PDB file of N, CA and C in Angstrom:
ATOM      1  N   MET A   1      16.379 -26.634 -23.572  1.00  0.00           N
ATOM      2  CA  MET A   1      16.355 -25.188 -23.633  1.00  0.00           C
ATOM      3  C   MET A   1      14.949 -24.670 -23.952  1.00  0.00           C
ATOM      4  N   ASP A   2      14.240 -25.300 -24.902  1.00  0.00           N
ATOM      5  CA  ASP A   2      12.903 -24.868 -25.266  1.00  0.00           C
ATOM      6  C   ASP A   2      11.943 -25.004 -24.086  1.00  0.00           C
ATOM      7  N   GLU A   3      12.103 -26.089 -23.314  1.00  0.00           N
ATOM      8  CA  GLU A   3      11.251 -26.278 -22.128  1.00  0.00           C
ATOM      9  C   GLU A   3      11.475 -25.169 -21.119  1.00  0.00           C
ATOM     10  N   ALA A   4      12.727 -24.782 -20.916  1.00  0.00           N
ATOM     11  CA  ALA A   4      13.049 -23.714 -19.965  1.00  0.00           C
ATOM     12  C   ALA A   4      12.439 -22.391 -20.424  1.00  0.00           C
ATOM     13  N   VAL A   5      12.516 -22.112 -21.701  1.00  0.00           N
ATOM     14  CA  VAL A   5      11.955 -20.873 -22.238  1.00  0.00           C
ATOM     15  C   VAL A   5      10.435 -20.875 -22.081  1.00  0.00           C
ATOM     16  N   ALA A   6       9.806 -22.003 -22.345  1.00  0.00           N
ATOM     17  CA  ALA A   6       8.353 -22.103 -22.204  1.00  0.00           C
ATOM     18  C   ALA A   6       7.939 -21.936 -20.738  1.00  0.00           C
ATOM     19  N   GLU A   7       8.682 -22.573 -19.833  1.00  0.00           N
ATOM     20  CA  GLU A   7       8.377 -22.439 -18.398  1.00  0.00           C
ATOM     21  C   GLU A   7       8.590 -21.004 -17.930  1.00  0.00           C
ATOM     22  N   LEU A   8       9.642 -20.376 -18.390  1.00  0.00           N
ATOM     23  CA  LEU A   8       9.910 -18.979 -18.055  1.00  0.00           C
ATOM     24  C   LEU A   8       8.758 -18.091 -18.522  1.00  0.00           C
ATOM     25  N   LYS A   9       8.269 -18.358 -19.721  1.00  0.00           N
ATOM     26  CA  LYS A   9       7.149 -17.582 -20.260  1.00  0.00           C
ATOM     27  C   LYS A   9       5.904 -17.759 -19.387  1.00  0.00           C
ATOM     28  N   ARG A  10       5.620 -18.992 -18.948  1.00  0.00           N
ATOM     29  CA  ARG A  10       4.464 -19.252 -18.074  1.00  0.00           C
ATOM     30  C   ARG A  10       4.631 -18.533 -16.735  1.00  0.00           C
ATOM     31  N   MET A  11       5.818 -18.594 -16.165  1.00  0.00           N
ATOM     32  CA  MET A  11       6.064 -17.927 -14.881  1.00  0.00           C
ATOM     33  C   MET A  11       5.905 -16.412 -15.006  1.00  0.00           C
ATOM     34  N   ARG A  12       6.436 -15.877 -16.089  1.00  0.00           N
ATOM     35  CA  ARG A  12       6.322 -14.427 -16.289  1.00  0.00           C
ATOM     36  C   ARG A  12       4.881 -14.010 -16.507  1.00  0.00           C
ATOM     37  N   SER A  13       4.111 -14.835 -17.152  1.00  0.00           N
ATOM     38  CA  SER A  13       2.687 -14.542 -17.326  1.00  0.00           C
ATOM     39  C   SER A  13       1.991 -14.496 -15.965  1.00  0.00           C
ATOM     40  N   SER A  14       2.328 -15.441 -15.089  1.00  0.00           N
ATOM     41  CA  SER A  14       1.756 -15.428 -13.734  1.00  0.00           C
ATOM     42  C   SER A  14       2.174 -14.180 -12.976  1.00  0.00           C
ATOM     43  N   ILE A  15       3.437 -13.801 -13.104  1.00  0.00           N
ATOM     44  CA  ILE A  15       3.925 -12.576 -12.451  1.00  0.00           C
ATOM     45  C   ILE A  15       3.162 -11.363 -12.980  1.00  0.00           C
ATOM     46  N   ASP A  16       2.964 -11.300 -14.286  1.00  0.00           N
ATOM     47  CA  ASP A  16       2.222 -10.182 -14.878  1.00  0.00           C
ATOM     48  C   ASP A  16       0.800 -10.117 -14.329  1.00  0.00           C
ATOM     49  N   ASN A  17       0.167 -11.274 -14.182  1.00  0.00           N
ATOM     50  CA  ASN A  17      -1.188 -11.306 -13.621  1.00  0.00           C
ATOM     51  C   ASN A  17      -1.203 -10.807 -12.182  1.00  0.00           C
ATOM     52  N   MET A  18      -0.216 -11.226 -11.398  1.00  0.00           N
ATOM     53  CA  MET A  18      -0.138 -10.766 -10.003  1.00  0.00           C
ATOM     54  C   MET A  18       0.134  -9.272  -9.941  1.00  0.00           C
ATOM     55  N   ASP A  19       0.992  -8.773 -10.819  1.00  0.00           N
ATOM     56  CA  ASP A  19       1.256  -7.331 -10.854  1.00  0.00           C
ATOM     57  C   ASP A  19      -0.025  -6.558 -11.162  1.00  0.00           C
ATOM     58  N   SER A  20      -0.807  -7.072 -12.081  1.00  0.00           N
ATOM     59  CA  SER A  20      -2.088  -6.424 -12.405  1.00  0.00           C
ATOM     60  C   SER A  20      -3.007  -6.407 -11.192  1.00  0.00           C
ATOM     61  N   ALA A  21      -3.081  -7.521 -10.493  1.00  0.00           N
ATOM     62  CA  ALA A  21      -3.911  -7.584  -9.291  1.00  0.00           C
ATOM     63  C   ALA A  21      -3.421  -6.604  -8.232  1.00  0.00           C
ATOM     64  N   LEU A  22      -2.105  -6.510  -8.049  1.00  0.00           N
ATOM     65  CA  LEU A  22      -1.549  -5.572  -7.070  1.00  0.00           C
ATOM     66  C   LEU A  22      -1.916  -4.128  -7.416  1.00  0.00           C
ATOM     67  N   ILE A  23      -1.823  -3.778  -8.677  1.00  0.00           N
ATOM     68  CA  ILE A  23      -2.159  -2.410  -9.095  1.00  0.00           C
ATOM     69  C   ILE A  23      -3.624  -2.115  -8.831  1.00  0.00           C
ATOM     70  N   HIS A  24      -4.501  -3.060  -9.129  1.00  0.00           N
ATOM     71  CA  HIS A  24      -5.930  -2.849  -8.880  1.00  0.00           C
ATOM     72  C   HIS A  24      -6.214  -2.757  -7.381  1.00  0.00           C
ATOM     73  N   LEU A  25      -5.551  -3.574  -6.578  1.00  0.00           N
ATOM     74  CA  LEU A  25      -5.716  -3.498  -5.122  1.00  0.00           C
ATOM     75  C   LEU A  25      -5.212  -2.163  -4.584  1.00  0.00           C
ATOM     76  N   LEU A  26      -4.071  -1.700  -5.083  1.00  0.00           N
ATOM     77  CA  LEU A  26      -3.563  -0.398  -4.646  1.00  0.00           C
ATOM     78  C   LEU A  26      -4.521   0.725  -5.030  1.00  0.00           C
ATOM     79  N   ALA A  27      -5.078   0.642  -6.216  1.00  0.00           N
ATOM     80  CA  ALA A  27      -6.037   1.664  -6.647  1.00  0.00           C
ATOM     81  C   ALA A  27      -7.240   1.692  -5.710  1.00  0.00           C
ATOM     82  N   GLU A  28      -7.755   0.534  -5.357  1.00  0.00           N
ATOM     83  CA  GLU A  28      -8.895   0.469  -4.429  1.00  0.00           C
ATOM     84  C   GLU A  28      -8.498   1.001  -3.055  1.00  0.00           C
ATOM     85  N   ARG A  29      -7.295   0.641  -2.603  1.00  0.00           N
ATOM     86  CA  ARG A  29      -6.827   1.109  -1.298  1.00  0.00           C
ATOM     87  C   ARG A  29      -6.744   2.632  -1.286  1.00  0.00           C
ATOM     88  N   PHE A  30      -6.205   3.223  -2.351  1.00  0.00           N
ATOM     89  CA  PHE A  30      -6.066   4.675  -2.393  1.00  0.00           C
ATOM     90  C   PHE A  30      -7.412   5.382  -2.542  1.00  0.00           C
ATOM     91  N   LYS A  31      -8.391   4.745  -3.163  1.00  0.00           N
ATOM     92  CA  LYS A  31      -9.734   5.339  -3.196  1.00  0.00           C
ATOM     93  C   LYS A  31     -10.289   5.456  -1.785  1.00  0.00           C
ATOM     94  N   ILE A  32     -10.076   4.433  -0.980  1.00  0.00           N
ATOM     95  CA  ILE A  32     -10.567   4.454   0.397  1.00  0.00           C
ATOM     96  C   ILE A  32      -9.773   5.459   1.227  1.00  0.00           C
ATOM     97  N   THR A  33      -8.450   5.468   1.081  1.00  0.00           N
ATOM     98  CA  THR A  33      -7.667   6.419   1.870  1.00  0.00           C
ATOM     99  C   THR A  33      -7.959   7.859   1.457  1.00  0.00           C
ATOM    100  N   GLN A  34      -8.381   8.066   0.229  1.00  0.00           N
ATOM    101  CA  GLN A  34      -8.819   9.401  -0.205  1.00  0.00           C
ATOM    102  C   GLN A  34     -10.023   9.834   0.633  1.00  0.00           C
ATOM    103  N   ARG A  35     -10.961   8.931   0.802  1.00  0.00           N
ATOM    104  CA  ARG A  35     -12.145   9.239   1.617  1.00  0.00           C
ATOM    105  C   ARG A  35     -11.760   9.455   3.073  1.00  0.00           C
ATOM    106  N   VAL A  36     -10.794   8.671   3.555  1.00  0.00           N
ATOM    107  CA  VAL A  36     -10.305   8.861   4.926  1.00  0.00           C
ATOM    108  C   VAL A  36      -9.715  10.261   5.065  1.00  0.00           C
ATOM    109  N   GLY A  37      -8.925  10.684   4.098  1.00  0.00           N
ATOM    110  CA  GLY A  37      -8.322  12.018   4.127  1.00  0.00           C
ATOM    111  C   GLY A  37      -9.368  13.112   4.126  1.00  0.00           C
ATOM    112  N   GLU A  38     -10.413  12.940   3.348  1.00  0.00           N
ATOM    113  CA  GLU A  38     -11.498  13.926   3.312  1.00  0.00           C
ATOM    114  C   GLU A  38     -12.205  13.993   4.664  1.00  0.00           C
ATOM    115  N   LEU A  39     -12.458  12.842   5.259  1.00  0.00           N
ATOM    116  CA  LEU A  39     -13.091  12.792   6.575  1.00  0.00           C
ATOM    117  C   LEU A  39     -12.209  13.454   7.630  1.00  0.00           C
ATOM    118  N   LYS A  40     -10.922  13.137   7.616  1.00  0.00           N
ATOM    119  CA  LYS A  40     -10.000  13.742   8.573  1.00  0.00           C
ATOM    120  C   LYS A  40      -9.977  15.262   8.415  1.00  0.00           C
ATOM    121  N   ALA A  41      -9.939  15.733   7.179  1.00  0.00           N
ATOM    122  CA  ALA A  41      -9.894  17.182   6.943  1.00  0.00           C
ATOM    123  C   ALA A  41     -11.158  17.856   7.460  1.00  0.00           C
ATOM    124  N   ARG A  42     -12.312  17.263   7.196  1.00  0.00           N
ATOM    125  CA  ARG A  42     -13.573  17.841   7.679  1.00  0.00           C
ATOM    126  C   ARG A  42     -13.637  17.862   9.200  1.00  0.00           C
ATOM    127  N   ALA A  43     -13.086  16.825   9.825  1.00  0.00           N
ATOM    128  CA  ALA A  43     -13.137  16.701  11.289  1.00  0.00           C
ATOM    129  C   ALA A  43     -11.980  17.430  11.971  1.00  0.00           C
ATOM    130  N   GLY A  44     -11.060  17.981  11.195  1.00  0.00           N
ATOM    131  CA  GLY A  44      -9.919  18.681  11.774  1.00  0.00           C
ATOM    132  C   GLY A  44      -8.888  17.748  12.386  1.00  0.00           C
ATOM    133  N   LEU A  45      -8.860  16.502  11.922  1.00  0.00           N
ATOM    134  CA  LEU A  45      -7.884  15.538  12.428  1.00  0.00           C
ATOM    135  C   LEU A  45      -6.584  15.653  11.644  1.00  0.00           C
ATOM    136  N   PRO A  46      -5.463  15.318  12.262  1.00  0.00           N
ATOM    137  CA  PRO A  46      -4.178  15.418  11.551  1.00  0.00           C
ATOM    138  C   PRO A  46      -4.081  14.402  10.417  1.00  0.00           C
ATOM    139  N   PRO A  47      -3.332  14.750   9.369  1.00  0.00           N
ATOM    140  CA  PRO A  47      -3.184  13.842   8.229  1.00  0.00           C
ATOM    141  C   PRO A  47      -2.508  12.517   8.589  1.00  0.00           C
ATOM    142  N   ALA A  48      -1.583  12.551   9.535  1.00  0.00           N
ATOM    143  CA  ALA A  48      -0.841  11.346   9.920  1.00  0.00           C
ATOM    144  C   ALA A  48      -1.316  10.851  11.280  1.00  0.00           C
ATOM    145  N   ASP A  49      -1.233   9.551  11.460  1.00  0.00           N
ATOM    146  CA  ASP A  49      -1.589   8.916  12.739  1.00  0.00           C
ATOM    147  C   ASP A  49      -0.471   7.931  13.080  1.00  0.00           C
ATOM    148  N   PRO A  50       0.573   8.426  13.766  1.00  0.00           N
ATOM    149  CA  PRO A  50       1.738   7.573  14.048  1.00  0.00           C
ATOM    150  C   PRO A  50       1.404   6.288  14.806  1.00  0.00           C
ATOM    151  N   ASN A  51       0.433   6.328  15.707  1.00  0.00           N
ATOM    152  CA  ASN A  51       0.060   5.107  16.425  1.00  0.00           C
ATOM    153  C   ASN A  51      -0.528   4.068  15.481  1.00  0.00           C
ATOM    154  N   ARG A  52      -1.416   4.485  14.612  1.00  0.00           N
ATOM    155  CA  ARG A  52      -2.017   3.580  13.618  1.00  0.00           C
ATOM    156  C   ARG A  52      -0.932   3.019  12.698  1.00  0.00           C
ATOM    157  N   GLU A  53      -0.007   3.880  12.281  1.00  0.00           N
ATOM    158  CA  GLU A  53       1.053   3.440  11.384  1.00  0.00           C
ATOM    159  C   GLU A  53       1.915   2.369  12.049  1.00  0.00           C
ATOM    160  N   ALA A  54       2.256   2.570  13.324  1.00  0.00           N
ATOM    161  CA  ALA A  54       3.069   1.589  14.049  1.00  0.00           C
ATOM    162  C   ALA A  54       2.323   0.264  14.185  1.00  0.00           C
ATOM    163  N   GLU A  55       1.018   0.340  14.467  1.00  0.00           N
ATOM    164  CA  GLU A  55       0.208  -0.882  14.564  1.00  0.00           C
ATOM    165  C   GLU A  55       0.179  -1.619  13.232  1.00  0.00           C
ATOM    166  N   GLN A  56       0.024  -0.875  12.149  1.00  0.00           N
ATOM    167  CA  GLN A  56      -0.033  -1.485  10.821  1.00  0.00           C
ATOM    168  C   GLN A  56       1.299  -2.139  10.450  1.00  0.00           C
ATOM    169  N   ILE A  57       2.389  -1.467  10.783  1.00  0.00           N
ATOM    170  CA  ILE A  57       3.706  -2.049  10.480  1.00  0.00           C
ATOM    171  C   ILE A  57       3.875  -3.362  11.230  1.00  0.00           C
ATOM    172  N   ALA A  58       3.533  -3.361  12.508  1.00  0.00           N
ATOM    173  CA  ALA A  58       3.662  -4.596  13.297  1.00  0.00           C
ATOM    174  C   ALA A  58       2.772  -5.696  12.722  1.00  0.00           C
ATOM    175  N   ARG A  59       1.548  -5.330  12.354  1.00  0.00           N
ATOM    176  CA  ARG A  59       0.601  -6.309  11.800  1.00  0.00           C
ATOM    177  C   ARG A  59       1.104  -6.872  10.477  1.00  0.00           C
ATOM    178  N   LEU A  60       1.587  -5.994   9.598  1.00  0.00           N
ATOM    179  CA  LEU A  60       2.064  -6.473   8.298  1.00  0.00           C
ATOM    180  C   LEU A  60       3.356  -7.266   8.408  1.00  0.00           C
ATOM    181  N   ARG A  61       4.213  -6.914   9.354  1.00  0.00           N
ATOM    182  CA  ARG A  61       5.428  -7.714   9.554  1.00  0.00           C
ATOM    183  C   ARG A  61       5.047  -9.130   9.976  1.00  0.00           C
ATOM    184  N   ALA A  62       4.070  -9.243  10.877  1.00  0.00           N
ATOM    185  CA  ALA A  62       3.623 -10.567  11.320  1.00  0.00           C
ATOM    186  C   ALA A  62       2.995 -11.334  10.157  1.00  0.00           C
ATOM    187  N   LEU A  63       2.176 -10.661   9.360  1.00  0.00           N
ATOM    188  CA  LEU A  63       1.572 -11.307   8.188  1.00  0.00           C
ATOM    189  C   LEU A  63       2.658 -11.768   7.216  1.00  0.00           C
ATOM    190  N   ALA A  64       3.656 -10.936   7.024  1.00  0.00           N
ATOM    191  CA  ALA A  64       4.744 -11.293   6.110  1.00  0.00           C
ATOM    192  C   ALA A  64       5.463 -12.546   6.602  1.00  0.00           C
ATOM    193  N   GLU A  65       5.745 -12.582   7.892  1.00  0.00           N
ATOM    194  CA  GLU A  65       6.428 -13.758   8.433  1.00  0.00           C
ATOM    195  C   GLU A  65       5.603 -15.018   8.214  1.00  0.00           C
ATOM    196  N   SER A  66       4.295 -14.931   8.474  1.00  0.00           N
ATOM    197  CA  SER A  66       3.453 -16.117   8.302  1.00  0.00           C
ATOM    198  C   SER A  66       3.317 -16.512   6.831  1.00  0.00           C
ATOM    199  N   ALA A  67       3.493 -15.549   5.934  1.00  0.00           N
ATOM    200  CA  ALA A  67       3.422 -15.826   4.492  1.00  0.00           C
ATOM    201  C   ALA A  67       4.800 -16.149   3.904  1.00  0.00           C
ATOM    202  N   GLU A  68       5.798 -16.223   4.767  1.00  0.00           N
ATOM    203  CA  GLU A  68       7.168 -16.489   4.346  1.00  0.00           C
ATOM    204  C   GLU A  68       7.700 -15.419   3.385  1.00  0.00           C
ATOM    205  N   LEU A  69       7.371 -14.165   3.718  1.00  0.00           N
ATOM    206  CA  LEU A  69       7.877 -13.004   2.996  1.00  0.00           C
ATOM    207  C   LEU A  69       8.783 -12.238   3.953  1.00  0.00           C
ATOM    208  N   ASP A  70       9.821 -11.665   3.448  1.00  0.00           N
ATOM    209  CA  ASP A  70      10.739 -10.890   4.273  1.00  0.00           C
ATOM    210  C   ASP A  70       9.983  -9.743   4.945  1.00  0.00           C
ATOM    211  N   PRO A  71       9.936  -9.712   6.282  1.00  0.00           N
ATOM    212  CA  PRO A  71       9.227  -8.641   6.989  1.00  0.00           C
ATOM    213  C   PRO A  71       9.797  -7.252   6.687  1.00  0.00           C
ATOM    214  N   GLU A  72      11.097  -7.175   6.412  1.00  0.00           N
ATOM    215  CA  GLU A  72      11.701  -5.884   6.054  1.00  0.00           C
ATOM    216  C   GLU A  72      11.101  -5.359   4.747  1.00  0.00           C
ATOM    217  N   LEU A  73      10.906  -6.240   3.801  1.00  0.00           N
ATOM    218  CA  LEU A  73      10.287  -5.850   2.533  1.00  0.00           C
ATOM    219  C   LEU A  73       8.868  -5.355   2.772  1.00  0.00           C
ATOM    220  N   ALA A  74       8.109  -6.083   3.579  1.00  0.00           N
ATOM    221  CA  ALA A  74       6.735  -5.688   3.873  1.00  0.00           C
ATOM    222  C   ALA A  74       6.708  -4.317   4.544  1.00  0.00           C
ATOM    223  N   GLU A  75       7.628  -4.094   5.481  1.00  0.00           N
ATOM    224  CA  GLU A  75       7.661  -2.801   6.171  1.00  0.00           C
ATOM    225  C   GLU A  75       8.027  -1.677   5.210  1.00  0.00           C
ATOM    226  N   LYS A  76       9.004  -1.894   4.355  1.00  0.00           N
ATOM    227  CA  LYS A  76       9.393  -0.867   3.376  1.00  0.00           C
ATOM    228  C   LYS A  76       8.228  -0.540   2.446  1.00  0.00           C
ATOM    229  N   PHE A  77       7.529  -1.572   2.016  1.00  0.00           N
ATOM    230  CA  PHE A  77       6.383  -1.392   1.123  1.00  0.00           C
ATOM    231  C   PHE A  77       5.298  -0.573   1.812  1.00  0.00           C
ATOM    232  N   LEU A  78       4.955  -0.947   3.048  1.00  0.00           N
ATOM    233  CA  LEU A  78       3.914  -0.220   3.774  1.00  0.00           C
ATOM    234  C   LEU A  78       4.352   1.208   4.076  1.00  0.00           C
ATOM    235  N   THR A  79       5.607   1.394   4.442  1.00  0.00           N
ATOM    236  CA  THR A  79       6.105   2.738   4.741  1.00  0.00           C
ATOM    237  C   THR A  79       5.981   3.639   3.522  1.00  0.00           C
ATOM    238  N   PHE A  80       6.294   3.106   2.354  1.00  0.00           N
ATOM    239  CA  PHE A  80       6.144   3.884   1.123  1.00  0.00           C
ATOM    240  C   PHE A  80       4.680   4.274   0.902  1.00  0.00           C
ATOM    241  N   ILE A  81       3.790   3.314   1.063  1.00  0.00           N
ATOM    242  CA  ILE A  81       2.364   3.581   0.858  1.00  0.00           C
ATOM    243  C   ILE A  81       1.872   4.611   1.860  1.00  0.00           C
ATOM    244  N   VAL A  82       2.240   4.460   3.113  1.00  0.00           N
ATOM    245  CA  VAL A  82       1.790   5.396   4.153  1.00  0.00           C
ATOM    246  C   VAL A  82       2.299   6.808   3.856  1.00  0.00           C
ATOM    247  N   ARG A  83       3.542   6.927   3.424  1.00  0.00           N
ATOM    248  CA  ARG A  83       4.064   8.257   3.073  1.00  0.00           C
ATOM    249  C   ARG A  83       3.217   8.904   1.979  1.00  0.00           C
ATOM    250  N   GLU A  84       2.837   8.117   0.980  1.00  0.00           N
ATOM    251  CA  GLU A  84       1.995   8.639  -0.096  1.00  0.00           C
ATOM    252  C   GLU A  84       0.611   9.030   0.423  1.00  0.00           C
ATOM    253  N   VAL A  85       0.042   8.192   1.273  1.00  0.00           N
ATOM    254  CA  VAL A  85      -1.287   8.481   1.833  1.00  0.00           C
ATOM    255  C   VAL A  85      -1.237   9.775   2.639  1.00  0.00           C
ATOM    256  N   VAL A  86      -0.233   9.914   3.491  1.00  0.00           N
ATOM    257  CA  VAL A  86      -0.116  11.125   4.314  1.00  0.00           C
ATOM    258  C   VAL A  86       0.060  12.350   3.413  1.00  0.00           C
ATOM    259  N   ARG A  87       0.854  12.211   2.365  1.00  0.00           N
ATOM    260  CA  ARG A  87       1.036  13.331   1.425  1.00  0.00           C
ATOM    261  C   ARG A  87      -0.299  13.735   0.808  1.00  0.00           C
ATOM    262  N   HIS A  88      -1.092  12.749   0.434  1.00  0.00           N
ATOM    263  CA  HIS A  88      -2.427  13.042  -0.121  1.00  0.00           C
ATOM    264  C   HIS A  88      -3.317  13.688   0.934  1.00  0.00           C
ATOM    265  N   HIS A  89      -3.263  13.194   2.163  1.00  0.00           N
ATOM    266  CA  HIS A  89      -4.086  13.755   3.235  1.00  0.00           C
ATOM    267  C   HIS A  89      -3.683  15.195   3.537  1.00  0.00           C
ATOM    268  N   GLU A  90      -2.398  15.478   3.477  1.00  0.00           N
ATOM    269  CA  GLU A  90      -1.931  16.857   3.683  1.00  0.00           C
ATOM    270  C   GLU A  90      -2.470  17.774   2.584  1.00  0.00           C
ATOM    271  N   ARG A  91      -2.460  17.280   1.355  1.00  0.00           N
ATOM    272  CA  ARG A  91      -2.997  18.061   0.242  1.00  0.00           C
ATOM    273  C   ARG A  91      -4.489  18.313   0.410  1.00  0.00           C
ATOM    274  N   ILE A  92      -5.209  17.285   0.814  1.00  0.00           N
ATOM    275  CA  ILE A  92      -6.653  17.419   1.030  1.00  0.00           C
ATOM    276  C   ILE A  92      -6.923  18.429   2.133  1.00  0.00           C
ATOM    277  N   ALA A  93      -6.166  18.348   3.238  1.00  0.00           N
ATOM    278  CA  ALA A  93      -6.340  19.290   4.342  1.00  0.00           C
ATOM    279  C   ALA A  93      -6.064  20.715   3.893  1.00  0.00           C
ATOM    280  N   ALA A  94      -5.013  20.904   3.081  1.00  0.00           N
ATOM    281  CA  ALA A  94      -4.678  22.241   2.580  1.00  0.00           C
ATOM    282  C   ALA A  94      -5.789  22.768   1.688  1.00  0.00           C
ATOM    283  N   GLU A  95      -6.384  21.904   0.883  1.00  0.00           N
ATOM    284  CA  GLU A  95      -7.480  22.331  -0.001  1.00  0.00           C
ATOM    285  C   GLU A  95      -8.708  22.732   0.804  1.00  0.00           C
ATOM    286  N   GLN A  96      -8.914  22.076   1.947  1.00  0.00           N
ATOM    287  CA  GLN A  96     -10.067  22.398   2.810  1.00  0.00           C
ATOM    288  C   GLN A  96      -9.942  23.788   3.413  1.00  0.00           C
ATOM    289  N   THR A  97      -8.701  24.250   3.619  1.00  0.00           N
ATOM    290  CA  THR A  97      -8.485  25.563   4.221  1.00  0.00           C
ATOM    291  C   THR A  97      -8.467  26.687   3.196  1.00  0.00           C
ATOM    292  N   ASP A  98      -8.413  26.326   1.907  1.00  0.00           N
ATOM    293  CA  ASP A  98      -8.401  27.351   0.849  1.00  0.00           C
ATOM    294  C   ASP A  98      -9.760  27.965   0.660  1.00  0.00           C
TER     295      ASP A  98
END
């Protein structure tokens, strides 16, 4: 029992480290997409790009399969992120018109 508890603690520590890395990667990704939104607003481009989104979903599904991750999970994750990015881009565009 003690060995199982110790192993569980080690695994959870690794999970915590990965969660930290994911949060930092997401923060960096959103810093870049913020700049993309500003560029789109200045250029008068729409906040959303359905063709790019479809390409990204296909690309991430393929990456997920090669990494032995459920492609549905990868698609749901990317769809959530894209919705947030588009929401931010819409806000940036609205601020540009104020």
